[in-house]
Amino acid sequence: MARSRFKGKLLDLSLTLDGNQRLTIQLDGDFRQAYDELKDAEIDLTVAKHRERRSLDANAYAWVLIDRIAEKKRIPKEEVYRNAIREIGGVSDMVCVQDRAVKRLREQWDRKGIGWHSETMESKLPGCTVVILYYGSSSYDTAQMSALIDSLVQDAQALGIETRSPKEIQSLLDEYGCVEGVR
């Protein structure tokens, strides 16, 4: 069976007499078929706070800003985009890789899209290199997208580029459940 992904709410957590925990979950979708297939099987379960995906309007606005910044600075749009990604937190991982595997990892990672890029740093471990893997904005949730747009707005304003008002930007993000807005 394919993985099932559902939105829901935790309703109750109780302890059984043998010390196990029993969790009651209310699901928004129809889980009956998956339940029938998995009923007596051991399963892996991941529970995380729900976050809405970012809005396409917010993504379009980010690219408008990227285009204007690139035009003003006379540099490629890809450079503006990648620099903005480097500036925000929570959108990269650092991995220590054997030197012989660095080139292949970076090539494969960079093929995922414009924002998916990597950098290297020297490792203290002999025969290894630290690779910083940056995730492209296509994988961002609304909080991460908000941070990206906030960074782009600040860059644009510093260059004298007109931007939408904070209220207009916030409305782009609020529609999709963004808690933290652009300052």
C-alpha atoms as a PDB file:
ATOM      1  CA  MET A   1       0.000   0.000   0.000  1.00  0.00           C
ATOM      2  CA  ALA A   2       1.167   3.539  -0.699  1.00  0.00           C
ATOM      3  CA  ARG A   3       1.773   5.928   2.141  1.00  0.00           C
ATOM      4  CA  SER A   4      -1.298   7.672   3.454  1.00  0.00           C
ATOM      5  CA  ARG A   5      -1.243  11.272   4.553  1.00  0.00           C
ATOM      6  CA  PHE A   6      -4.135  12.747   6.503  1.00  0.00           C
ATOM      7  CA  LYS A   7      -4.883  15.925   8.360  1.00  0.00           C
ATOM      8  CA  GLY A   8      -6.472  15.433  11.762  1.00  0.00           C
ATOM      9  CA  LYS A   9      -6.512  16.234  15.458  1.00  0.00           C
ATOM     10  CA  LEU A  10      -5.255  14.404  18.515  1.00  0.00           C
ATOM     11  CA  LEU A  11      -8.222  13.760  20.803  1.00  0.00           C
ATOM     12  CA  ASP A  12      -7.011  11.585  23.640  1.00  0.00           C
ATOM     13  CA  LEU A  13      -3.961   9.842  25.069  1.00  0.00           C
ATOM     14  CA  SER A  14      -4.468   7.136  27.670  1.00  0.00           C
ATOM     15  CA  LEU A  15      -2.406   4.466  29.383  1.00  0.00           C
ATOM     16  CA  THR A  16      -3.445   0.827  29.274  1.00  0.00           C
ATOM     17  CA  LEU A  17      -3.088  -1.515  32.258  1.00  0.00           C
ATOM     18  CA  ASP A  18       0.029  -3.068  30.730  1.00  0.00           C
ATOM     19  CA  GLY A  19       1.711   0.372  30.469  1.00  0.00           C
ATOM     20  CA  ASN A  20       1.213   0.921  26.723  1.00  0.00           C
ATOM     21  CA  GLN A  21      -0.150   4.196  25.394  1.00  0.00           C
ATOM     22  CA  ARG A  22      -3.313   4.455  23.313  1.00  0.00           C
ATOM     23  CA  LEU A  23      -3.789   7.480  21.056  1.00  0.00           C
ATOM     24  CA  THR A  24      -7.138   8.574  19.628  1.00  0.00           C
ATOM     25  CA  ILE A  25      -6.996  10.621  16.427  1.00  0.00           C
ATOM     26  CA  GLN A  26      -9.803  12.299  14.498  1.00  0.00           C
ATOM     27  CA  LEU A  27      -9.053  12.308  10.745  1.00  0.00           C
ATOM     28  CA  ASP A  28     -10.451  14.673   8.123  1.00  0.00           C
ATOM     29  CA  GLY A  29     -10.145  12.160   5.261  1.00  0.00           C
ATOM     30  CA  ASP A  30     -11.508   8.666   4.644  1.00  0.00           C
ATOM     31  CA  PHE A  31      -9.094   6.201   6.255  1.00  0.00           C
ATOM     32  CA  ARG A  32     -11.276   3.074   5.974  1.00  0.00           C
ATOM     33  CA  GLN A  33      -9.438   1.399   3.087  1.00  0.00           C
ATOM     34  CA  ALA A  34      -6.031   2.028   4.637  1.00  0.00           C
ATOM     35  CA  TYR A  35      -7.352   0.780   7.983  1.00  0.00           C
ATOM     36  CA  ASP A  36      -8.574  -2.476   6.422  1.00  0.00           C
ATOM     37  CA  GLU A  37      -5.170  -3.026   4.798  1.00  0.00           C
ATOM     38  CA  LEU A  38      -3.131  -2.143   7.890  1.00  0.00           C
ATOM     39  CA  LYS A  39      -5.397  -3.318  10.726  1.00  0.00           C
ATOM     40  CA  ASP A  40      -3.212  -6.127  12.094  1.00  0.00           C
ATOM     41  CA  ALA A  41       0.156  -4.959  10.772  1.00  0.00           C
ATOM     42  CA  GLU A  42       2.863  -3.111  12.643  1.00  0.00           C
ATOM     43  CA  ILE A  43       3.071   0.432  11.275  1.00  0.00           C
ATOM     44  CA  ASP A  44       5.412   3.396  11.413  1.00  0.00           C
ATOM     45  CA  LEU A  45       3.678   6.555  12.546  1.00  0.00           C
ATOM     46  CA  THR A  46       4.843  10.146  12.318  1.00  0.00           C
ATOM     47  CA  VAL A  47       2.795  12.909  13.911  1.00  0.00           C
ATOM     48  CA  ALA A  48       3.640  16.551  13.213  1.00  0.00           C
ATOM     49  CA  LYS A  49       1.885  19.873  13.541  1.00  0.00           C
ATOM     50  CA  HIS A  50      -0.043  20.595  10.348  1.00  0.00           C
ATOM     51  CA  ARG A  51       1.245  23.376   8.116  1.00  0.00           C
ATOM     52  CA  GLU A  52      -0.433  24.492   4.943  1.00  0.00           C
ATOM     53  CA  ARG A  53       1.599  24.620   1.777  1.00  0.00           C
ATOM     54  CA  ARG A  54       2.590  28.073   0.603  1.00  0.00           C
ATOM     55  CA  SER A  55       0.440  29.970  -1.862  1.00  0.00           C
ATOM     56  CA  LEU A  56       1.211  30.100  -5.562  1.00  0.00           C
ATOM     57  CA  ASP A  57       0.544  33.852  -5.377  1.00  0.00           C
ATOM     58  CA  ALA A  58       3.294  34.185  -2.761  1.00  0.00           C
ATOM     59  CA  ASN A  59       5.630  32.202  -5.035  1.00  0.00           C
ATOM     60  CA  ALA A  60       4.765  34.413  -8.015  1.00  0.00           C
ATOM     61  CA  TYR A  61       5.428  37.540  -5.941  1.00  0.00           C
ATOM     62  CA  ALA A  62       8.803  36.158  -4.832  1.00  0.00           C
ATOM     63  CA  TRP A  63       9.769  35.741  -8.504  1.00  0.00           C
ATOM     64  CA  VAL A  64       8.617  39.278  -9.322  1.00  0.00           C
ATOM     65  CA  LEU A  65      10.959  40.563  -6.614  1.00  0.00           C
ATOM     66  CA  ILE A  66      13.791  38.297  -7.787  1.00  0.00           C
ATOM     67  CA  ASP A  67      13.394  39.613 -11.339  1.00  0.00           C
ATOM     68  CA  ARG A  68      13.422  43.268 -10.248  1.00  0.00           C
ATOM     69  CA  ILE A  69      16.443  42.787  -7.972  1.00  0.00           C
ATOM     70  CA  ALA A  70      18.336  40.965 -10.740  1.00  0.00           C
ATOM     71  CA  GLU A  71      17.542  43.746 -13.199  1.00  0.00           C
ATOM     72  CA  LYS A  72      18.667  46.450 -10.772  1.00  0.00           C
ATOM     73  CA  LYS A  73      21.894  44.620  -9.815  1.00  0.00           C
ATOM     74  CA  ARG A  74      22.496  43.374 -13.359  1.00  0.00           C
ATOM     75  CA  ILE A  75      23.030  39.807 -12.205  1.00  0.00           C
ATOM     76  CA  PRO A  76      21.233  36.573 -13.146  1.00  0.00           C
ATOM     77  CA  LYS A  77      17.894  35.851 -11.445  1.00  0.00           C
ATOM     78  CA  GLU A  78      19.235  32.478 -10.330  1.00  0.00           C
ATOM     79  CA  GLU A  79      21.985  34.227  -8.370  1.00  0.00           C
ATOM     80  CA  VAL A  80      19.459  36.469  -6.579  1.00  0.00           C
ATOM     81  CA  TYR A  81      17.284  33.453  -5.756  1.00  0.00           C
ATOM     82  CA  ARG A  82      20.131  31.301  -4.465  1.00  0.00           C
ATOM     83  CA  ASN A  83      21.561  34.169  -2.387  1.00  0.00           C
ATOM     84  CA  ALA A  84      18.157  34.728  -0.782  1.00  0.00           C
ATOM     85  CA  ILE A  85      17.889  31.024   0.062  1.00  0.00           C
ATOM     86  CA  ARG A  86      21.326  31.138   1.728  1.00  0.00           C
ATOM     87  CA  GLU A  87      20.192  34.039   3.909  1.00  0.00           C
ATOM     88  CA  ILE A  88      17.193  32.355   5.562  1.00  0.00           C
ATOM     89  CA  GLY A  89      17.340  29.671   8.216  1.00  0.00           C
ATOM     90  CA  GLY A  90      15.903  26.198   8.294  1.00  0.00           C
ATOM     91  CA  VAL A  91      16.232  25.436   4.577  1.00  0.00           C
ATOM     92  CA  SER A  92      19.543  23.574   4.461  1.00  0.00           C
ATOM     93  CA  ASP A  93      21.300  20.563   5.901  1.00  0.00           C
ATOM     94  CA  MET A  94      24.999  19.993   6.476  1.00  0.00           C
ATOM     95  CA  VAL A  95      26.366  16.517   5.813  1.00  0.00           C
ATOM     96  CA  CYS A  96      29.841  15.081   6.098  1.00  0.00           C
ATOM     97  CA  VAL A  97      30.633  13.105   2.949  1.00  0.00           C
ATOM     98  CA  GLN A  98      33.616  11.050   1.864  1.00  0.00           C
ATOM     99  CA  ASP A  99      35.690  13.098  -0.565  1.00  0.00           C
ATOM    100  CA  ARG A 100      35.160  10.582  -3.382  1.00  0.00           C
ATOM    101  CA  ALA A 101      31.349  11.012  -3.172  1.00  0.00           C
ATOM    102  CA  VAL A 102      31.172  14.835  -3.007  1.00  0.00           C
ATOM    103  CA  LYS A 103      31.063  15.526  -6.741  1.00  0.00           C
ATOM    104  CA  ARG A 104      28.288  13.003  -7.409  1.00  0.00           C
ATOM    105  CA  LEU A 105      26.175  14.160  -4.444  1.00  0.00           C
ATOM    106  CA  ARG A 106      26.412  17.788  -5.532  1.00  0.00           C
ATOM    107  CA  GLU A 107      25.599  16.977  -9.157  1.00  0.00           C
ATOM    108  CA  GLN A 108      22.538  14.937  -8.165  1.00  0.00           C
ATOM    109  CA  TRP A 109      21.341  17.543  -5.651  1.00  0.00           C
ATOM    110  CA  ASP A 110      21.737  20.438  -8.082  1.00  0.00           C
ATOM    111  CA  ARG A 111      19.551  18.617 -10.657  1.00  0.00           C
ATOM    112  CA  LYS A 112      16.471  19.006  -8.451  1.00  0.00           C
ATOM    113  CA  GLY A 113      15.938  22.631  -9.469  1.00  0.00           C
ATOM    114  CA  ILE A 114      17.342  26.152  -9.448  1.00  0.00           C
ATOM    115  CA  GLY A 115      17.098  26.634  -5.685  1.00  0.00           C
ATOM    116  CA  TRP A 116      18.480  23.196  -4.871  1.00  0.00           C
ATOM    117  CA  HIS A 117      22.160  23.948  -4.666  1.00  0.00           C
ATOM    118  CA  SER A 118      25.140  23.047  -2.535  1.00  0.00           C
ATOM    119  CA  GLU A 119      28.391  24.388  -1.170  1.00  0.00           C
ATOM    120  CA  THR A 120      31.366  22.720   0.443  1.00  0.00           C
ATOM    121  CA  MET A 121      33.434  23.379   3.529  1.00  0.00           C
ATOM    122  CA  GLU A 122      36.529  21.708   4.846  1.00  0.00           C
ATOM    123  CA  SER A 123      35.881  18.910   7.331  1.00  0.00           C
ATOM    124  CA  LYS A 124      37.951  18.163  10.400  1.00  0.00           C
ATOM    125  CA  LEU A 125      37.656  14.464   9.509  1.00  0.00           C
ATOM    126  CA  PRO A 126      40.381  13.248   7.157  1.00  0.00           C
ATOM    127  CA  GLY A 127      39.056  12.118   3.780  1.00  0.00           C
ATOM    128  CA  CYS A 128      35.741  13.933   4.236  1.00  0.00           C
ATOM    129  CA  THR A 129      34.160  17.197   3.097  1.00  0.00           C
ATOM    130  CA  VAL A 130      31.205  19.016   4.636  1.00  0.00           C
ATOM    131  CA  VAL A 131      28.492  19.642   2.048  1.00  0.00           C
ATOM    132  CA  ILE A 132      25.775  22.220   2.701  1.00  0.00           C
ATOM    133  CA  LEU A 133      22.599  21.192   0.877  1.00  0.00           C
ATOM    134  CA  TYR A 134      20.123  24.026   0.263  1.00  0.00           C
ATOM    135  CA  TYR A 135      16.480  23.169  -0.436  1.00  0.00           C
ATOM    136  CA  GLY A 136      14.607  24.995  -3.184  1.00  0.00           C
ATOM    137  CA  SER A 137      11.484  26.990  -2.337  1.00  0.00           C
ATOM    138  CA  SER A 138       9.243  24.400  -4.006  1.00  0.00           C
ATOM    139  CA  SER A 139       9.605  22.424  -0.770  1.00  0.00           C
ATOM    140  CA  TYR A 140       8.934  25.343   1.611  1.00  0.00           C
ATOM    141  CA  ASP A 141       6.001  25.619   3.947  1.00  0.00           C
ATOM    142  CA  THR A 142       4.348  29.000   4.448  1.00  0.00           C
ATOM    143  CA  ALA A 143       6.643  30.048   7.312  1.00  0.00           C
ATOM    144  CA  GLN A 144       9.741  29.375   5.227  1.00  0.00           C
ATOM    145  CA  MET A 145       8.206  31.113   2.212  1.00  0.00           C
ATOM    146  CA  SER A 146       7.398  34.088   4.436  1.00  0.00           C
ATOM    147  CA  ALA A 147      11.063  34.286   5.485  1.00  0.00           C
ATOM    148  CA  LEU A 148      12.168  34.127   1.840  1.00  0.00           C
ATOM    149  CA  ILE A 149       9.770  36.897   0.781  1.00  0.00           C
ATOM    150  CA  ASP A 150      10.771  38.983   3.800  1.00  0.00           C
ATOM    151  CA  SER A 151      14.430  38.718   2.770  1.00  0.00           C
ATOM    152  CA  LEU A 152      13.618  39.602  -0.855  1.00  0.00           C
ATOM    153  CA  VAL A 153      11.480  42.585   0.217  1.00  0.00           C
ATOM    154  CA  GLN A 154      14.326  43.921   2.372  1.00  0.00           C
ATOM    155  CA  ASP A 155      16.793  43.541  -0.524  1.00  0.00           C
ATOM    156  CA  ALA A 156      14.389  45.222  -2.950  1.00  0.00           C
ATOM    157  CA  GLN A 157      13.701  48.143  -0.603  1.00  0.00           C
ATOM    158  CA  ALA A 158      17.443  48.634  -0.029  1.00  0.00           C
ATOM    159  CA  LEU A 159      17.791  49.027  -3.812  1.00  0.00           C
ATOM    160  CA  GLY A 160      14.900  51.509  -4.010  1.00  0.00           C
ATOM    161  CA  ILE A 161      12.552  48.991  -5.652  1.00  0.00           C
ATOM    162  CA  GLU A 162       8.882  49.484  -4.864  1.00  0.00           C
ATOM    163  CA  THR A 163       7.296  46.546  -3.026  1.00  0.00           C
ATOM    164  CA  ARG A 164       3.804  45.676  -1.931  1.00  0.00           C
ATOM    165  CA  SER A 165       2.763  46.936   1.467  1.00  0.00           C
ATOM    166  CA  PRO A 166       3.295  44.646   4.456  1.00  0.00           C
ATOM    167  CA  LYS A 167      -0.496  44.296   4.666  1.00  0.00           C
ATOM    168  CA  GLU A 168      -0.737  43.119   1.023  1.00  0.00           C
ATOM    169  CA  ILE A 169       2.105  40.652   1.477  1.00  0.00           C
ATOM    170  CA  GLN A 170       0.587  39.378   4.696  1.00  0.00           C
ATOM    171  CA  SER A 171      -2.702  38.715   2.919  1.00  0.00           C
ATOM    172  CA  LEU A 172      -0.868  36.549   0.350  1.00  0.00           C
ATOM    173  CA  LEU A 173       0.528  34.452   3.171  1.00  0.00           C
ATOM    174  CA  ASP A 174      -2.483  34.483   5.530  1.00  0.00           C
ATOM    175  CA  GLU A 175      -4.659  32.805   2.930  1.00  0.00           C
ATOM    176  CA  TYR A 176      -2.522  29.706   3.307  1.00  0.00           C
ATOM    177  CA  GLY A 177      -2.147  29.608   7.069  1.00  0.00           C
ATOM    178  CA  CYS A 178       1.049  31.565   7.539  1.00  0.00           C
ATOM    179  CA  VAL A 179       1.364  32.545  11.181  1.00  0.00           C
ATOM    180  CA  GLU A 180       4.402  34.783  10.887  1.00  0.00           C
ATOM    181  CA  GLY A 181       4.110  37.599   8.397  1.00  0.00           C
ATOM    182  CA  VAL A 182       6.515  39.843   6.639  1.00  0.00           C
ATOM    183  CA  ARG A 183       7.789  42.623   8.819  1.00  0.00           C
END
